[in-house]
Protein backbone atom coordinates (compact mmCIF):
# COMPACT_ATOMS: atom_id res chain seq x y z
CA MET A 1 -7.46 5.79 15.95
CA LEU A 2 -4.05 6.74 14.60
CA LYS A 3 -4.17 8.91 11.47
CA HIS A 4 -1.24 8.25 9.14
CA ARG A 5 -0.21 11.78 8.16
CA GLY A 6 1.21 11.97 4.66
CA PHE A 7 -0.42 8.73 3.53
CA PRO A 8 -2.48 9.26 0.34
CA GLY A 9 -6.23 9.29 0.96
CA ARG A 10 -7.10 7.66 -2.36
CA LEU A 11 -5.70 6.51 -5.67
CA PRO A 12 -5.18 9.72 -7.66
CA GLY A 13 -7.89 10.34 -10.22
CA THR A 14 -10.24 7.66 -8.85
CA ASP A 15 -12.68 7.01 -6.03
CA TYR A 16 -10.64 4.09 -4.64
CA GLN A 17 -10.03 5.18 -1.05
CA PHE A 18 -6.95 4.24 0.96
CA THR A 19 -7.86 5.86 4.29
CA ILE A 20 -10.94 6.63 6.34
CA ARG A 21 -11.69 10.00 7.93
CA ARG A 22 -12.90 8.94 11.36
CA ALA A 23 -13.29 5.90 13.56
CA ASN A 24 -16.57 4.00 13.72
CA VAL A 25 -17.57 4.65 17.31
CA LYS A 26 -20.80 2.62 17.21
CA GLY A 27 -19.67 -0.67 15.74
CA GLY A 28 -15.90 -0.49 16.07
CA ALA A 29 -13.36 -1.04 13.31
CA THR A 30 -14.41 -2.95 10.22
CA ARG A 31 -12.99 -6.48 10.28
CA ILE A 32 -10.00 -7.15 8.02
CA ILE A 33 -10.54 -10.36 6.04
CA ARG A 34 -8.64 -12.09 3.27
CA ARG A 35 -10.36 -11.39 -0.05
CA GLU A 36 -9.63 -13.56 -3.06
CA ARG A 37 -8.14 -11.78 -6.06
CA TYR A 38 -9.33 -13.57 -9.16
CA ALA A 39 -7.57 -13.28 -12.52
CA ASP A 40 -10.59 -11.60 -14.13
CA ARG A 41 -10.60 -8.56 -11.80
CA ALA A 42 -10.98 -5.21 -13.51
CA HIS A 43 -7.84 -3.34 -14.52
CA ALA A 44 -8.83 -0.40 -12.26
CA ASP A 45 -9.07 -2.75 -9.26
CA ARG A 46 -5.60 -4.14 -9.97
CA MET A 47 -4.22 -0.60 -10.29
CA ALA A 48 -5.80 0.31 -6.93
CA ASP A 49 -4.02 -2.68 -5.33
CA LEU A 50 -0.75 -1.62 -6.94
CA GLY A 51 -1.16 2.00 -5.83
CA PHE A 52 -2.04 0.97 -2.28
CA MET A 53 0.97 -1.36 -2.05
CA GLN A 54 3.18 1.45 -3.39
CA ALA A 55 1.82 3.82 -0.73
CA LEU A 56 2.33 1.23 2.03
CA TRP A 57 5.90 0.56 0.93
CA ASN A 58 6.78 4.25 0.60
CA HIS A 59 5.23 5.12 3.96
CA PHE A 60 6.21 2.12 6.14
CA GLY A 61 8.81 0.01 4.32
CA GLU A 62 9.61 -3.21 6.17
CA GLU A 63 8.64 -1.84 9.58
CA PRO A 64 5.46 -2.99 11.38
CA PHE A 65 2.69 -0.40 11.25
CA GLU A 66 -0.55 0.26 13.08
CA ARG A 67 -3.74 -0.17 11.09
CA GLY A 68 -5.06 3.20 12.23
CA ASN A 69 -7.08 4.97 9.55
CA LEU A 70 -6.13 2.62 6.70
CA ASP A 71 -9.22 1.40 4.84
CA ALA A 72 -10.20 -2.15 5.86
CA GLY A 73 -11.62 -2.92 2.42
CA ARG A 74 -8.39 -1.98 0.65
CA LEU A 75 -6.28 -3.80 3.26
CA SER A 76 -8.43 -6.90 2.83
CA TRP A 77 -7.37 -7.27 -0.83
CA LEU A 78 -3.74 -7.64 0.34
CA PHE A 79 -4.26 -9.23 3.77
CA GLY A 80 -2.90 -12.73 4.29
CA ARG A 81 -0.56 -12.44 1.31
CA GLU A 82 1.40 -9.20 0.92
CA VAL A 83 0.24 -7.69 4.23
CA VAL A 84 0.36 -9.97 7.27
CA PRO A 85 -0.21 -9.61 11.03
CA ALA A 86 2.82 -8.35 12.95
CA GLU A 87 1.54 -9.55 16.33
CA ASP A 88 0.10 -12.66 17.87
CA PRO A 89 -2.73 -12.72 18.78
CA PHE A 90 -4.00 -10.48 15.98
CA ASP A 91 -7.29 -8.62 16.34
CA PRO A 92 -8.73 -7.94 12.85
CA CYS A 93 -11.32 -5.57 14.38
CA SER A 94 -8.88 -3.20 16.10
CA TYR A 95 -7.56 0.14 14.88
CA GLU A 96 -4.44 -0.56 16.98
CA ALA A 97 -3.66 -3.89 15.26
CA LEU A 98 -0.10 -4.16 13.97
CA LEU A 99 0.55 -5.24 10.38
CA LYS A 100 3.64 -5.55 8.21
CA ILE A 101 4.50 -6.10 4.57
CA ASP A 102 5.67 -9.60 3.63
CA VAL A 103 8.38 -8.28 1.34
CA LYS A 104 9.07 -11.57 -0.45
CA ARG A 105 5.42 -12.08 -1.43
CA ALA A 106 4.90 -8.39 -2.19
CA ARG A 107 7.90 -8.35 -4.55
CA ALA A 108 6.48 -11.36 -6.39
CA ALA A 109 2.98 -9.87 -6.70
CA PHE A 110 3.94 -6.22 -7.33
CA PRO A 111 7.44 -6.10 -8.87
CA GLU A 112 6.79 -2.55 -10.15
CA VAL A 113 6.69 -1.25 -6.58
CA PHE A 114 10.14 -2.58 -5.75
CA ALA A 115 11.90 -1.92 -9.08
CA PRO A 116 14.73 0.55 -8.69
CA ALA A 117 13.86 4.00 -9.95
CA GLU A 118 15.58 5.02 -13.14
CA ALA A 119 18.38 7.51 -12.70
CA PRO A 120 17.53 11.06 -13.73
CA TRP A 121 18.86 12.26 -17.06
CA SER A 122 22.27 13.87 -17.03
CA PRO A 123 24.46 15.24 -19.81
CA GLU A 124 27.28 12.89 -18.74
CA ALA A 125 25.06 9.92 -19.57
CA GLU A 126 24.56 11.27 -23.10
CA GLY A 127 28.25 11.90 -23.80
CA ASP A 128 29.98 15.06 -24.99
CA ASP A 129 28.34 15.23 -28.41
CA TRP A 130 26.25 18.36 -27.70
CA ASP A 131 27.38 21.85 -28.56
CA GLU A 132 28.16 24.25 -25.70
CA ASP A 133 28.16 27.52 -27.76
C-alpha cells in the first residue's frame, strides 16, 4: 500500500480521518462506494468533505493518483462525482486503484477549493499615504 507522504492525516481539530495507517491484510482494502450526500448533512461533515477535496487538489491536482492509504470512507463521499476512476476496469477494493479529480464537477461542488488565493498585503496596494519617518 502506497503511503502518500505529506498528505494530511485528518481534518485539523477533528476526528475526521483522511488516511489510514496500515493496510488490512486479512480482508483487503475497504470497498469504495458512492455515498449520497443529502442536503441535511451536518456542517462538520460538509467541512470534512471540503477539507478532503482541498487536500486532494493540493496534493495531486489534475493528475491521476493511486488510492494507497487514503481513507475509503472519506473517498466514498466524493466518489462518482468529484473523484472518478482513472482506469478501466476499476477495482474499488484495491489499494493500487487509480483515481482522479473531475475538475469540472469539483469546481461546481467546492468553489472555495479552486478560488484564487488573495494576494498578500503590500504597501504598494495601500498607496503612499503612510509616513516613513
